Amino acid sequence: MSLSVAVAGASGYAGGELLRLLAAHPEFEVTTVTAFQNTGKPLATVQPHLRSLSHLMLTETTPEVLRDHDVIFLALPHGKSGQLSAQFAVDTLVVDCGADHRLESESDWAAFYGGDFCVAWSYGLPELVLAGGGTQRTALAGRRRIAVPGCNVTAITLGLAPGIRAGVIAADDLVAVLAVGPSGAGKSLRTDLLASEVLGSAHSYAVGGVHRHNPEIRQNLRAAGGVDVSVSFTPMVVPMSRGILATSTAKRVQGTTTAQVRDAWERAYADEPFVHVLPDGQFPRTADVLGSNTALVGLAIDEAAGRVVTITAIDNLVKGTAGAAIQSANIALGLPETAGLTMDGVAP
């Protein structure tokens, strides 16, 4: 028997990607889609690529419309999910793709988001390695409230956490520069994201440690065992509709061998269906993961600088958002973790 699913924020990029993946899920049936500005429109008018769901109409985003489903996915701007989530039954699985329930620290929330602070939910990054051993996956089984990570956070965390847990890199001087597709900013009209501004150009944004994903990155790397975690994180918009390529570097701990460094990542992800470490000398492209729930990680050592370099590629809308949401929901419900998801990208 299929589980009934509602998707709030179904007219956005994240909501649309959730629907694309859910349409092929063997255990889920999407019965309700909601929006704010697009209420009353057929789903096909705002997500014309979702032909198998063209019978659905966008309805109002209210607790009354969303409740009475087995699973609710919230793909809403920050500050919106918290207003709704408290009104759902405790046995309903609610997966929030927004920021409202990610942060454990109220002071971090106040500094980077502002507004009412909501309690942190179980964190939906199954592959996050933990300092005490194991992964975040164990914390998701049976849970009914899950917060999906930020897309930039996922790319940086997957690239650095194994080395921190293994003690082969230091956590106090981390640097990450990300090339990001503009779909990560959502569908809202902004001059700097117009095609005429993006095509043939690249520009950095949220420079100087002000990006809202900063405290979440530090939170994850502390969970992996990092002490005095310090991250300088700079994203830049590049002319590709989707994808993230994260170049992250860290000081190599003195006395560690090249074999020990590579072994830290290979051991961490050896059994992961969606995170793959590439052979020595190979590095990923965003094109390699387009449309997939896969993260590819390349690894190098800059001997002259004494730093370890990781290159991580993800699709920001899949592994960075919707795929992570469905993967975490699968775990919470005791379904096969890979159900409805693919590790294969689309090429060319």
C-alpha atoms as a PDB file:
ATOM      1  CA  MET A   1       0.000   0.000   0.000  1.00  0.00           C
ATOM      2  CA  SER A   2       1.439   3.389  -1.036  1.00  0.00           C
ATOM      3  CA  LEU A   3       2.139   6.103   1.497  1.00  0.00           C
ATOM      4  CA  SER A   4       0.325   9.370   0.832  1.00  0.00           C
ATOM      5  CA  VAL A   5       2.619  12.349   0.304  1.00  0.00           C
ATOM      6  CA  ALA A   6       2.112  16.107   0.357  1.00  0.00           C
ATOM      7  CA  VAL A   7       4.689  18.562  -0.992  1.00  0.00           C
ATOM      8  CA  ALA A   8       4.501  22.167   0.206  1.00  0.00           C
ATOM      9  CA  GLY A   9       6.248  24.707  -2.000  1.00  0.00           C
ATOM     10  CA  ALA A  10       5.690  22.542  -5.059  1.00  0.00           C
ATOM     11  CA  SER A  11       6.069  25.393  -7.541  1.00  0.00           C
ATOM     12  CA  GLY A  12       9.722  26.094  -6.656  1.00  0.00           C
ATOM     13  CA  TYR A  13      12.915  24.416  -7.846  1.00  0.00           C
ATOM     14  CA  ALA A  14      13.319  22.244  -4.746  1.00  0.00           C
ATOM     15  CA  GLY A  15       9.641  21.347  -4.751  1.00  0.00           C
ATOM     16  CA  GLY A  16       9.765  20.475  -8.424  1.00  0.00           C
ATOM     17  CA  GLU A  17      12.781  18.238  -7.925  1.00  0.00           C
ATOM     18  CA  LEU A  18      11.064  16.501  -5.025  1.00  0.00           C
ATOM     19  CA  LEU A  19       8.100  15.786  -7.260  1.00  0.00           C
ATOM     20  CA  ARG A  20      10.288  14.507 -10.101  1.00  0.00           C
ATOM     21  CA  LEU A  21      11.917  11.974  -7.802  1.00  0.00           C
ATOM     22  CA  LEU A  22       8.753  11.086  -5.885  1.00  0.00           C
ATOM     23  CA  ALA A  23       6.949  10.314  -9.140  1.00  0.00           C
ATOM     24  CA  ALA A  24       9.242   7.308  -9.586  1.00  0.00           C
ATOM     25  CA  HIS A  25       9.262   6.200  -5.945  1.00  0.00           C
ATOM     26  CA  PRO A  26       7.826   2.689  -5.511  1.00  0.00           C
ATOM     27  CA  GLU A  27       6.257   3.352  -2.086  1.00  0.00           C
ATOM     28  CA  PHE A  28       5.137   6.994  -2.243  1.00  0.00           C
ATOM     29  CA  GLU A  29       2.094   8.510  -3.930  1.00  0.00           C
ATOM     30  CA  VAL A  30       1.937  12.283  -4.242  1.00  0.00           C
ATOM     31  CA  THR A  31      -1.655  13.294  -3.551  1.00  0.00           C
ATOM     32  CA  THR A  32      -1.319  16.968  -2.582  1.00  0.00           C
ATOM     33  CA  VAL A  33       0.839  19.834  -3.837  1.00  0.00           C
ATOM     34  CA  THR A  34       0.686  23.330  -2.393  1.00  0.00           C
ATOM     35  CA  ALA A  35       2.028  26.785  -3.148  1.00  0.00           C
ATOM     36  CA  PHE A  36       1.620  30.388  -2.077  1.00  0.00           C
ATOM     37  CA  GLN A  37       1.530  32.725  -5.108  1.00  0.00           C
ATOM     38  CA  ASN A  38       0.567  29.940  -7.516  1.00  0.00           C
ATOM     39  CA  THR A  39      -2.390  28.598  -5.548  1.00  0.00           C
ATOM     40  CA  GLY A  40      -5.217  27.451  -7.794  1.00  0.00           C
ATOM     41  CA  LYS A  41      -3.069  26.745 -10.843  1.00  0.00           C
ATOM     42  CA  PRO A  42      -2.551  23.315 -12.398  1.00  0.00           C
ATOM     43  CA  LEU A  43       0.842  21.949 -11.399  1.00  0.00           C
ATOM     44  CA  ALA A  44       1.702  21.540 -15.090  1.00  0.00           C
ATOM     45  CA  THR A  45       1.570  25.299 -15.639  1.00  0.00           C
ATOM     46  CA  VAL A  46       4.518  25.904 -13.293  1.00  0.00           C
ATOM     47  CA  GLN A  47       6.272  22.521 -13.558  1.00  0.00           C
ATOM     48  CA  PRO A  48       5.573  21.559 -17.186  1.00  0.00           C
ATOM     49  CA  HIS A  49       8.248  18.842 -17.181  1.00  0.00           C
ATOM     50  CA  LEU A  50       6.294  16.776 -14.622  1.00  0.00           C
ATOM     51  CA  ARG A  51       3.897  15.157 -17.058  1.00  0.00           C
ATOM     52  CA  SER A  52       3.081  12.166 -14.848  1.00  0.00           C
ATOM     53  CA  LEU A  53       1.756  14.560 -12.183  1.00  0.00           C
ATOM     54  CA  SER A  54      -0.088  16.933 -14.495  1.00  0.00           C
ATOM     55  CA  HIS A  55      -3.418  15.937 -12.956  1.00  0.00           C
ATOM     56  CA  LEU A  56      -2.545  17.715  -9.695  1.00  0.00           C
ATOM     57  CA  MET A  57      -3.691  21.225  -8.770  1.00  0.00           C
ATOM     58  CA  LEU A  58      -1.738  23.569  -6.537  1.00  0.00           C
ATOM     59  CA  THR A  59      -3.681  24.241  -3.351  1.00  0.00           C
ATOM     60  CA  GLU A  60      -3.221  26.560  -0.412  1.00  0.00           C
ATOM     61  CA  THR A  61      -0.317  25.944   1.958  1.00  0.00           C
ATOM     62  CA  THR A  62      -2.112  25.488   5.276  1.00  0.00           C
ATOM     63  CA  PRO A  63      -1.924  22.930   8.096  1.00  0.00           C
ATOM     64  CA  GLU A  64      -5.448  21.795   7.251  1.00  0.00           C
ATOM     65  CA  VAL A  65      -4.488  20.966   3.654  1.00  0.00           C
ATOM     66  CA  LEU A  66      -1.181  19.295   4.543  1.00  0.00           C
ATOM     67  CA  ARG A  67      -2.181  17.194   7.535  1.00  0.00           C
ATOM     68  CA  ASP A  68      -3.676  13.715   7.149  1.00  0.00           C
ATOM     69  CA  HIS A  69      -0.817  12.558   4.910  1.00  0.00           C
ATOM     70  CA  ASP A  70       1.704   9.876   5.808  1.00  0.00           C
ATOM     71  CA  VAL A  71       4.646  12.027   4.681  1.00  0.00           C
ATOM     72  CA  ILE A  72       4.921  15.808   4.312  1.00  0.00           C
ATOM     73  CA  PHE A  73       7.835  17.439   2.502  1.00  0.00           C
ATOM     74  CA  LEU A  74       8.282  21.164   3.154  1.00  0.00           C
ATOM     75  CA  ALA A  75      10.159  23.039   0.415  1.00  0.00           C
ATOM     76  CA  LEU A  76       9.586  26.525   1.780  1.00  0.00           C
ATOM     77  CA  PRO A  77      11.659  29.658   2.446  1.00  0.00           C
ATOM     78  CA  HIS A  78      13.219  29.897   5.892  1.00  0.00           C
ATOM     79  CA  GLY A  79      10.787  31.073   8.525  1.00  0.00           C
ATOM     80  CA  LYS A  80       7.814  29.346   6.895  1.00  0.00           C
ATOM     81  CA  SER A  81       8.282  25.717   7.939  1.00  0.00           C
ATOM     82  CA  GLY A  82       8.438  26.472  11.635  1.00  0.00           C
ATOM     83  CA  GLN A  83       5.013  28.113  11.484  1.00  0.00           C
ATOM     84  CA  LEU A  84       3.463  24.922  10.095  1.00  0.00           C
ATOM     85  CA  SER A  85       5.383  22.037  11.620  1.00  0.00           C
ATOM     86  CA  ALA A  86       4.066  22.325  15.160  1.00  0.00           C
ATOM     87  CA  GLN A  87       0.545  21.686  13.879  1.00  0.00           C
ATOM     88  CA  PHE A  88       1.155  18.218  12.423  1.00  0.00           C
ATOM     89  CA  ALA A  89       0.548  14.940  14.227  1.00  0.00           C
ATOM     90  CA  VAL A  90       3.591  13.495  15.960  1.00  0.00           C
ATOM     91  CA  ASP A  91       3.368  10.242  13.990  1.00  0.00           C
ATOM     92  CA  THR A  92       3.435  12.026  10.610  1.00  0.00           C
ATOM     93  CA  LEU A  93       6.849  12.072   8.942  1.00  0.00           C
ATOM     94  CA  VAL A  94       7.712  15.702   8.207  1.00  0.00           C
ATOM     95  CA  VAL A  95      10.858  16.457   6.193  1.00  0.00           C
ATOM     96  CA  ASP A  96      11.907  20.101   6.038  1.00  0.00           C
ATOM     97  CA  CYS A  97      14.075  21.140   3.081  1.00  0.00           C
ATOM     98  CA  GLY A  98      14.396  24.657   4.498  1.00  0.00           C
ATOM     99  CA  ALA A  99      16.630  26.038   7.220  1.00  0.00           C
ATOM    100  CA  ASP A 100      14.170  26.330  10.110  1.00  0.00           C
ATOM    101  CA  HIS A 101      15.146  23.157  11.972  1.00  0.00           C
ATOM    102  CA  ARG A 102      18.818  22.686  11.033  1.00  0.00           C
ATOM    103  CA  LEU A 103      20.687  24.679  13.645  1.00  0.00           C
ATOM    104  CA  GLU A 104      21.200  23.555  17.218  1.00  0.00           C
ATOM    105  CA  SER A 105      22.343  26.970  18.457  1.00  0.00           C
ATOM    106  CA  GLU A 106      19.803  29.723  18.999  1.00  0.00           C
ATOM    107  CA  SER A 107      22.578  32.331  18.892  1.00  0.00           C
ATOM    108  CA  ASP A 108      23.708  31.056  15.483  1.00  0.00           C
ATOM    109  CA  TRP A 109      20.136  31.325  14.234  1.00  0.00           C
ATOM    110  CA  ALA A 110      19.834  34.881  15.535  1.00  0.00           C
ATOM    111  CA  ALA A 111      23.146  35.905  13.970  1.00  0.00           C
ATOM    112  CA  PHE A 112      22.567  34.426  10.497  1.00  0.00           C
ATOM    113  CA  TYR A 113      18.778  34.246  10.044  1.00  0.00           C
ATOM    114  CA  GLY A 114      16.864  36.145  12.712  1.00  0.00           C
ATOM    115  CA  GLY A 115      13.258  35.700  13.731  1.00  0.00           C
ATOM    116  CA  ASP A 116      11.801  32.932  15.847  1.00  0.00           C
ATOM    117  CA  PHE A 117      14.145  30.044  16.643  1.00  0.00           C
ATOM    118  CA  CYS A 118      12.818  26.513  16.106  1.00  0.00           C
ATOM    119  CA  VAL A 119      14.209  23.426  17.815  1.00  0.00           C
ATOM    120  CA  ALA A 120      16.628  21.358  15.721  1.00  0.00           C
ATOM    121  CA  TRP A 121      15.287  18.174  14.148  1.00  0.00           C
ATOM    122  CA  SER A 122      17.143  14.980  13.251  1.00  0.00           C
ATOM    123  CA  TYR A 123      19.714  16.013  10.682  1.00  0.00           C
ATOM    124  CA  GLY A 124      19.189  14.529   7.232  1.00  0.00           C
ATOM    125  CA  LEU A 125      22.723  13.851   6.037  1.00  0.00           C
ATOM    126  CA  PRO A 126      23.041  10.067   6.425  1.00  0.00           C
ATOM    127  CA  GLU A 127      26.702   9.973   5.339  1.00  0.00           C
ATOM    128  CA  LEU A 128      27.919  12.491   7.929  1.00  0.00           C
ATOM    129  CA  VAL A 129      30.654  10.669   9.823  1.00  0.00           C
ATOM    130  CA  LEU A 130      30.518  11.121  13.604  1.00  0.00           C
ATOM    131  CA  ALA A 131      33.390  11.504  16.019  1.00  0.00           C
ATOM    132  CA  GLY A 132      32.328   8.560  18.150  1.00  0.00           C
ATOM    133  CA  GLY A 133      32.086   6.240  15.172  1.00  0.00           C
ATOM    134  CA  GLY A 134      29.295   5.441  12.752  1.00  0.00           C
ATOM    135  CA  THR A 135      27.281   7.947  10.758  1.00  0.00           C
ATOM    136  CA  GLN A 136      24.257  10.195  11.084  1.00  0.00           C
ATOM    137  CA  ARG A 137      22.232   7.444   9.420  1.00  0.00           C
ATOM    138  CA  THR A 138      21.599   5.744  12.766  1.00  0.00           C
ATOM    139  CA  ALA A 139      19.988   8.917  14.127  1.00  0.00           C
ATOM    140  CA  LEU A 140      17.380   8.930  11.337  1.00  0.00           C
ATOM    141  CA  ALA A 141      15.841   5.472  11.753  1.00  0.00           C
ATOM    142  CA  GLY A 142      12.294   5.746  13.072  1.00  0.00           C
ATOM    143  CA  ARG A 143      12.334   9.530  13.381  1.00  0.00           C
ATOM    144  CA  ARG A 144       9.346  11.637  12.364  1.00  0.00           C
ATOM    145  CA  ARG A 145      10.971  15.074  12.108  1.00  0.00           C
ATOM    146  CA  ILE A 146      13.933  15.529   9.751  1.00  0.00           C
ATOM    147  CA  ALA A 147      15.818  18.657   8.655  1.00  0.00           C
ATOM    148  CA  VAL A 148      17.591  18.462   5.297  1.00  0.00           C
ATOM    149  CA  PRO A 149      21.017  20.166   5.090  1.00  0.00           C
ATOM    150  CA  GLY A 150      21.821  23.194   2.998  1.00  0.00           C
ATOM    151  CA  CYS A 151      23.245  22.300  -0.416  1.00  0.00           C
ATOM    152  CA  ASN A 152      26.574  24.101   0.083  1.00  0.00           C
ATOM    153  CA  VAL A 153      26.810  22.520   3.514  1.00  0.00           C
ATOM    154  CA  THR A 154      26.454  19.042   2.041  1.00  0.00           C
ATOM    155  CA  ALA A 155      29.257  19.591  -0.481  1.00  0.00           C
ATOM    156  CA  ILE A 156      31.709  20.978   2.076  1.00  0.00           C
ATOM    157  CA  THR A 157      30.812  18.505   4.821  1.00  0.00           C
ATOM    158  CA  LEU A 158      31.196  15.447   2.609  1.00  0.00           C
ATOM    159  CA  GLY A 159      34.520  16.799   1.375  1.00  0.00           C
ATOM    160  CA  LEU A 160      36.090  17.467   4.781  1.00  0.00           C
ATOM    161  CA  ALA A 161      34.425  15.426   7.547  1.00  0.00           C
ATOM    162  CA  PRO A 162      36.243  12.090   6.962  1.00  0.00           C
ATOM    163  CA  GLY A 163      39.657  13.708   7.316  1.00  0.00           C
ATOM    164  CA  ILE A 164      38.631  15.497  10.492  1.00  0.00           C
ATOM    165  CA  ARG A 165      37.281  12.331  12.098  1.00  0.00           C
ATOM    166  CA  ALA A 166      40.404  10.384  11.165  1.00  0.00           C
ATOM    167  CA  GLY A 167      42.681  13.118  12.530  1.00  0.00           C
ATOM    168  CA  VAL A 168      44.617  13.608   9.288  1.00  0.00           C
ATOM    169  CA  ILE A 169      43.535  17.225   8.753  1.00  0.00           C
ATOM    170  CA  ALA A 170      43.163  20.089  11.215  1.00  0.00           C
ATOM    171  CA  ALA A 171      39.817  21.827  11.625  1.00  0.00           C
ATOM    172  CA  ASP A 172      41.092  25.275  12.559  1.00  0.00           C
ATOM    173  CA  ASP A 173      42.059  26.548   9.086  1.00  0.00           C
ATOM    174  CA  LEU A 174      39.527  25.293   6.558  1.00  0.00           C
ATOM    175  CA  VAL A 175      38.969  27.068   3.262  1.00  0.00           C
ATOM    176  CA  ALA A 176      36.222  26.278   0.751  1.00  0.00           C
ATOM    177  CA  VAL A 177      35.411  27.942  -2.566  1.00  0.00           C
ATOM    178  CA  LEU A 178      32.274  26.762  -4.337  1.00  0.00           C
ATOM    179  CA  ALA A 179      31.069  27.155  -7.901  1.00  0.00           C
ATOM    180  CA  VAL A 180      27.273  27.108  -7.642  1.00  0.00           C
ATOM    181  CA  GLY A 181      24.428  27.065 -10.161  1.00  0.00           C
ATOM    182  CA  PRO A 182      21.844  29.842  -9.658  1.00  0.00           C
ATOM    183  CA  SER A 183      18.997  27.364  -9.062  1.00  0.00           C
ATOM    184  CA  GLY A 184      20.337  27.147  -5.506  1.00  0.00           C
ATOM    185  CA  ALA A 185      18.867  30.597  -4.885  1.00  0.00           C
ATOM    186  CA  GLY A 186      15.349  29.506  -5.847  1.00  0.00           C
ATOM    187  CA  LYS A 187      12.927  30.957  -8.382  1.00  0.00           C
ATOM    188  CA  SER A 188      12.571  34.452  -6.934  1.00  0.00           C
ATOM    189  CA  LEU A 189      13.380  37.137  -9.489  1.00  0.00           C
ATOM    190  CA  ARG A 190      16.703  38.825  -8.792  1.00  0.00           C
ATOM    191  CA  THR A 191      18.722  41.008 -11.120  1.00  0.00           C
ATOM    192  CA  ASP A 192      22.023  39.274 -10.346  1.00  0.00           C
ATOM    193  CA  LEU A 193      20.523  35.909 -11.343  1.00  0.00           C
ATOM    194  CA  LEU A 194      19.054  36.961 -14.688  1.00  0.00           C
ATOM    195  CA  ALA A 195      20.478  35.084 -17.669  1.00  0.00           C
ATOM    196  CA  SER A 196      21.941  38.316 -19.082  1.00  0.00           C
ATOM    197  CA  GLU A 197      23.890  38.771 -15.831  1.00  0.00           C
ATOM    198  CA  VAL A 198      25.026  35.155 -15.375  1.00  0.00           C
ATOM    199  CA  LEU A 199      25.802  33.888 -18.869  1.00  0.00           C
ATOM    200  CA  GLY A 200      29.448  34.416 -19.764  1.00  0.00           C
ATOM    201  CA  SER A 201      30.298  35.575 -16.264  1.00  0.00           C
ATOM    202  CA  ALA A 202      30.920  34.446 -12.692  1.00  0.00           C
ATOM    203  CA  HIS A 203      30.562  36.350  -9.456  1.00  0.00           C
ATOM    204  CA  SER A 204      31.093  35.713  -5.771  1.00  0.00           C
ATOM    205  CA  TYR A 205      28.433  36.462  -3.180  1.00  0.00           C
ATOM    206  CA  ALA A 206      28.019  36.368   0.609  1.00  0.00           C
ATOM    207  CA  VAL A 207      31.750  37.091   0.898  1.00  0.00           C
ATOM    208  CA  GLY A 208      33.478  37.424   4.249  1.00  0.00           C
ATOM    209  CA  GLY A 209      31.802  34.710   6.313  1.00  0.00           C
ATOM    210  CA  VAL A 210      28.256  36.056   6.104  1.00  0.00           C
ATOM    211  CA  HIS A 211      26.617  33.193   4.182  1.00  0.00           C
ATOM    212  CA  ARG A 212      23.849  31.574   6.229  1.00  0.00           C
ATOM    213  CA  HIS A 213      25.325  28.100   5.738  1.00  0.00           C
ATOM    214  CA  ASN A 214      28.433  28.962   7.767  1.00  0.00           C
ATOM    215  CA  PRO A 215      27.183  27.912  11.230  1.00  0.00           C
ATOM    216  CA  GLU A 216      25.701  24.711   9.827  1.00  0.00           C
ATOM    217  CA  ILE A 217      29.046  23.733   8.284  1.00  0.00           C
ATOM    218  CA  ARG A 218      30.807  24.299  11.606  1.00  0.00           C
ATOM    219  CA  GLN A 219      28.096  22.342  13.427  1.00  0.00           C
ATOM    220  CA  ASN A 220      28.656  19.328  11.167  1.00  0.00           C
ATOM    221  CA  LEU A 221      32.427  19.396  11.374  1.00  0.00           C
ATOM    222  CA  ARG A 222      32.272  19.593  15.162  1.00  0.00           C
ATOM    223  CA  ALA A 223      30.056  16.499  15.075  1.00  0.00           C
ATOM    224  CA  ALA A 224      32.796  14.796  13.051  1.00  0.00           C
ATOM    225  CA  GLY A 225      35.298  15.576  15.802  1.00  0.00           C
ATOM    226  CA  GLY A 226      36.584  19.002  14.815  1.00  0.00           C
ATOM    227  CA  VAL A 227      38.080  21.192  17.534  1.00  0.00           C
ATOM    228  CA  ASP A 228      38.192  24.979  17.157  1.00  0.00           C
ATOM    229  CA  VAL A 229      36.498  24.667  13.769  1.00  0.00           C
ATOM    230  CA  SER A 230      37.160  27.668  11.534  1.00  0.00           C
ATOM    231  CA  VAL A 231      35.860  27.803   7.955  1.00  0.00           C
ATOM    232  CA  SER A 232      36.368  30.486   5.322  1.00  0.00           C
ATOM    233  CA  PHE A 233      33.626  29.714   2.807  1.00  0.00           C
ATOM    234  CA  THR A 234      33.119  31.673  -0.419  1.00  0.00           C
ATOM    235  CA  PRO A 235      30.432  30.700  -2.957  1.00  0.00           C
ATOM    236  CA  MET A 236      30.299  31.993  -6.514  1.00  0.00           C
ATOM    237  CA  VAL A 237      27.556  31.852  -9.103  1.00  0.00           C
ATOM    238  CA  VAL A 238      28.655  30.336 -12.409  1.00  0.00           C
ATOM    239  CA  PRO A 239      26.688  29.911 -15.656  1.00  0.00           C
ATOM    240  CA  MET A 240      25.212  26.447 -15.132  1.00  0.00           C
ATOM    241  CA  SER A 241      21.606  25.974 -14.069  1.00  0.00           C
ATOM    242  CA  ARG A 242      22.367  23.411 -11.356  1.00  0.00           C
ATOM    243  CA  GLY A 243      25.304  21.830  -9.597  1.00  0.00           C
ATOM    244  CA  ILE A 244      27.979  22.588  -7.006  1.00  0.00           C
ATOM    245  CA  LEU A 245      31.723  22.066  -7.315  1.00  0.00           C
ATOM    246  CA  ALA A 246      33.322  22.562  -3.896  1.00  0.00           C
ATOM    247  CA  THR A 247      37.086  22.957  -3.590  1.00  0.00           C
ATOM    248  CA  SER A 248      37.884  22.542   0.109  1.00  0.00           C
ATOM    249  CA  THR A 249      41.344  22.601   1.668  1.00  0.00           C
ATOM    250  CA  ALA A 250      42.717  21.952   5.146  1.00  0.00           C
ATOM    251  CA  LYS A 251      46.069  21.785   6.891  1.00  0.00           C
ATOM    252  CA  ARG A 252      47.518  18.291   6.794  1.00  0.00           C
ATOM    253  CA  VAL A 253      48.375  17.011  10.265  1.00  0.00           C
ATOM    254  CA  GLN A 254      52.137  16.579  10.562  1.00  0.00           C
ATOM    255  CA  GLY A 255      53.356  13.007  10.484  1.00  0.00           C
ATOM    256  CA  THR A 256      50.448  11.625   8.463  1.00  0.00           C
ATOM    257  CA  THR A 257      51.289   9.685   5.329  1.00  0.00           C
ATOM    258  CA  THR A 258      49.706  10.030   1.929  1.00  0.00           C
ATOM    259  CA  ALA A 259      48.244   6.556   2.352  1.00  0.00           C
ATOM    260  CA  GLN A 260      46.677   7.510   5.697  1.00  0.00           C
ATOM    261  CA  VAL A 261      45.085  10.600   4.183  1.00  0.00           C
ATOM    262  CA  ARG A 262      43.481   8.706   1.293  1.00  0.00           C
ATOM    263  CA  ASP A 263      42.463   5.854   3.573  1.00  0.00           C
ATOM    264  CA  ALA A 264      40.433   8.259   5.753  1.00  0.00           C
ATOM    265  CA  TRP A 265      38.069   9.083   2.892  1.00  0.00           C
ATOM    266  CA  GLU A 266      38.001   5.642   1.322  1.00  0.00           C
ATOM    267  CA  ARG A 267      37.107   3.973   4.632  1.00  0.00           C
ATOM    268  CA  ALA A 268      34.441   6.568   5.426  1.00  0.00           C
ATOM    269  CA  TYR A 269      32.602   6.103   2.132  1.00  0.00           C
ATOM    270  CA  ALA A 270      33.472   2.502   1.230  1.00  0.00           C
ATOM    271  CA  ASP A 271      29.920   1.224   1.738  1.00  0.00           C
ATOM    272  CA  GLU A 272      27.980   4.357   0.818  1.00  0.00           C
ATOM    273  CA  PRO A 273      25.630   3.989  -2.148  1.00  0.00           C
ATOM    274  CA  PHE A 274      25.690   7.689  -3.029  1.00  0.00           C
ATOM    275  CA  VAL A 275      29.141   9.017  -2.031  1.00  0.00           C
ATOM    276  CA  HIS A 276      32.085   7.796  -4.090  1.00  0.00           C
ATOM    277  CA  VAL A 277      35.787   8.615  -3.745  1.00  0.00           C
ATOM    278  CA  LEU A 278      37.519   8.801  -7.117  1.00  0.00           C
ATOM    279  CA  PRO A 279      40.849   7.068  -7.825  1.00  0.00           C
ATOM    280  CA  ASP A 280      44.073   8.971  -7.214  1.00  0.00           C
ATOM    281  CA  GLY A 281      44.543  11.716  -9.792  1.00  0.00           C
ATOM    282  CA  GLN A 282      40.889  11.876 -10.841  1.00  0.00           C
ATOM    283  CA  PHE A 283      38.560  14.748 -10.011  1.00  0.00           C
ATOM    284  CA  PRO A 284      34.810  15.173 -10.596  1.00  0.00           C
ATOM    285  CA  ARG A 285      32.833  17.529 -12.780  1.00  0.00           C
ATOM    286  CA  THR A 286      29.363  18.775 -11.962  1.00  0.00           C
ATOM    287  CA  ALA A 287      28.216  17.225 -15.251  1.00  0.00           C
ATOM    288  CA  ASP A 288      29.055  13.795 -13.827  1.00  0.00           C
ATOM    289  CA  VAL A 289      26.352  14.024 -11.153  1.00  0.00           C
ATOM    290  CA  LEU A 290      23.635  15.960 -12.989  1.00  0.00           C
ATOM    291  CA  GLY A 291      20.222  14.619 -12.000  1.00  0.00           C
ATOM    292  CA  SER A 292      21.627  12.051  -9.573  1.00  0.00           C
ATOM    293  CA  ASN A 293      21.762  11.659  -5.807  1.00  0.00           C
ATOM    294  CA  THR A 294      25.495  10.998  -6.046  1.00  0.00           C
ATOM    295  CA  ALA A 295      28.380  12.964  -4.546  1.00  0.00           C
ATOM    296  CA  LEU A 296      31.779  12.439  -6.143  1.00  0.00           C
ATOM    297  CA  VAL A 297      34.915  13.307  -4.182  1.00  0.00           C
ATOM    298  CA  GLY A 298      38.411  13.767  -5.588  1.00  0.00           C
ATOM    299  CA  LEU A 299      41.398  13.984  -3.275  1.00  0.00           C
ATOM    300  CA  ALA A 300      44.908  15.471  -3.570  1.00  0.00           C
ATOM    301  CA  ILE A 301      47.748  16.616  -1.319  1.00  0.00           C
ATOM    302  CA  ASP A 302      49.471  19.930  -1.912  1.00  0.00           C
ATOM    303  CA  GLU A 303      52.878  19.003  -0.544  1.00  0.00           C
ATOM    304  CA  ALA A 304      54.358  22.489  -0.868  1.00  0.00           C
ATOM    305  CA  ALA A 305      51.513  24.107   1.062  1.00  0.00           C
ATOM    306  CA  GLY A 306      51.061  21.228   3.507  1.00  0.00           C
ATOM    307  CA  ARG A 307      47.364  21.035   2.713  1.00  0.00           C
ATOM    308  CA  VAL A 308      44.861  18.398   1.710  1.00  0.00           C
ATOM    309  CA  VAL A 309      42.580  19.375  -1.176  1.00  0.00           C
ATOM    310  CA  THR A 310      39.178  17.801  -1.833  1.00  0.00           C
ATOM    311  CA  ILE A 311      36.971  18.454  -4.855  1.00  0.00           C
ATOM    312  CA  THR A 312      33.325  17.502  -4.304  1.00  0.00           C
ATOM    313  CA  ALA A 313      30.633  17.579  -6.977  1.00  0.00           C
ATOM    314  CA  ILE A 314      26.903  17.329  -6.293  1.00  0.00           C
ATOM    315  CA  ASP A 315      23.664  18.314  -7.961  1.00  0.00           C
ATOM    316  CA  ASN A 316      22.407  21.000  -5.590  1.00  0.00           C
ATOM    317  CA  LEU A 317      18.765  20.124  -6.281  1.00  0.00           C
ATOM    318  CA  VAL A 318      19.182  16.358  -5.780  1.00  0.00           C
ATOM    319  CA  LYS A 319      21.913  15.332  -3.332  1.00  0.00           C
ATOM    320  CA  GLY A 320      21.890  18.925  -2.110  1.00  0.00           C
ATOM    321  CA  THR A 321      18.148  19.002  -1.358  1.00  0.00           C
ATOM    322  CA  ALA A 322      15.403  16.741  -2.727  1.00  0.00           C
ATOM    323  CA  GLY A 323      17.425  13.544  -2.994  1.00  0.00           C
ATOM    324  CA  ALA A 324      18.705  13.947   0.550  1.00  0.00           C
ATOM    325  CA  ALA A 325      15.131  14.502   1.736  1.00  0.00           C
ATOM    326  CA  ILE A 326      13.878  11.289   0.124  1.00  0.00           C
ATOM    327  CA  GLN A 327      16.951   9.291   1.180  1.00  0.00           C
ATOM    328  CA  SER A 328      16.409  10.382   4.788  1.00  0.00           C
ATOM    329  CA  ALA A 329      12.680   9.655   4.592  1.00  0.00           C
ATOM    330  CA  ASN A 330      13.446   6.155   3.319  1.00  0.00           C
ATOM    331  CA  ILE A 331      15.699   5.517   6.303  1.00  0.00           C
ATOM    332  CA  ALA A 332      13.169   6.918   8.772  1.00  0.00           C
ATOM    333  CA  LEU A 333      10.437   4.666   7.413  1.00  0.00           C
ATOM    334  CA  GLY A 334      12.569   1.519   7.193  1.00  0.00           C
ATOM    335  CA  LEU A 335      12.417   1.453   3.387  1.00  0.00           C
ATOM    336  CA  PRO A 336      15.414   0.637   1.178  1.00  0.00           C
ATOM    337  CA  GLU A 337      17.626   3.702   1.408  1.00  0.00           C
ATOM    338  CA  THR A 338      18.016   3.939  -2.353  1.00  0.00           C
ATOM    339  CA  ALA A 339      14.293   3.678  -3.180  1.00  0.00           C
ATOM    340  CA  GLY A 340      13.246   6.215  -5.802  1.00  0.00           C
ATOM    341  CA  LEU A 341      16.815   7.524  -6.195  1.00  0.00           C
ATOM    342  CA  THR A 342      19.548   7.017  -8.757  1.00  0.00           C
ATOM    343  CA  MET A 343      23.317   7.202  -8.583  1.00  0.00           C
ATOM    344  CA  ASP A 344      23.544   7.663 -12.360  1.00  0.00           C
ATOM    345  CA  GLY A 345      23.840  11.134 -13.808  1.00  0.00           C
ATOM    346  CA  VAL A 346      22.650  12.440 -17.174  1.00  0.00           C
ATOM    347  CA  ALA A 347      25.167  13.036 -19.959  1.00  0.00           C
ATOM    348  CA  PRO A 348      26.079  14.932 -22.005  1.00  0.00           C
END
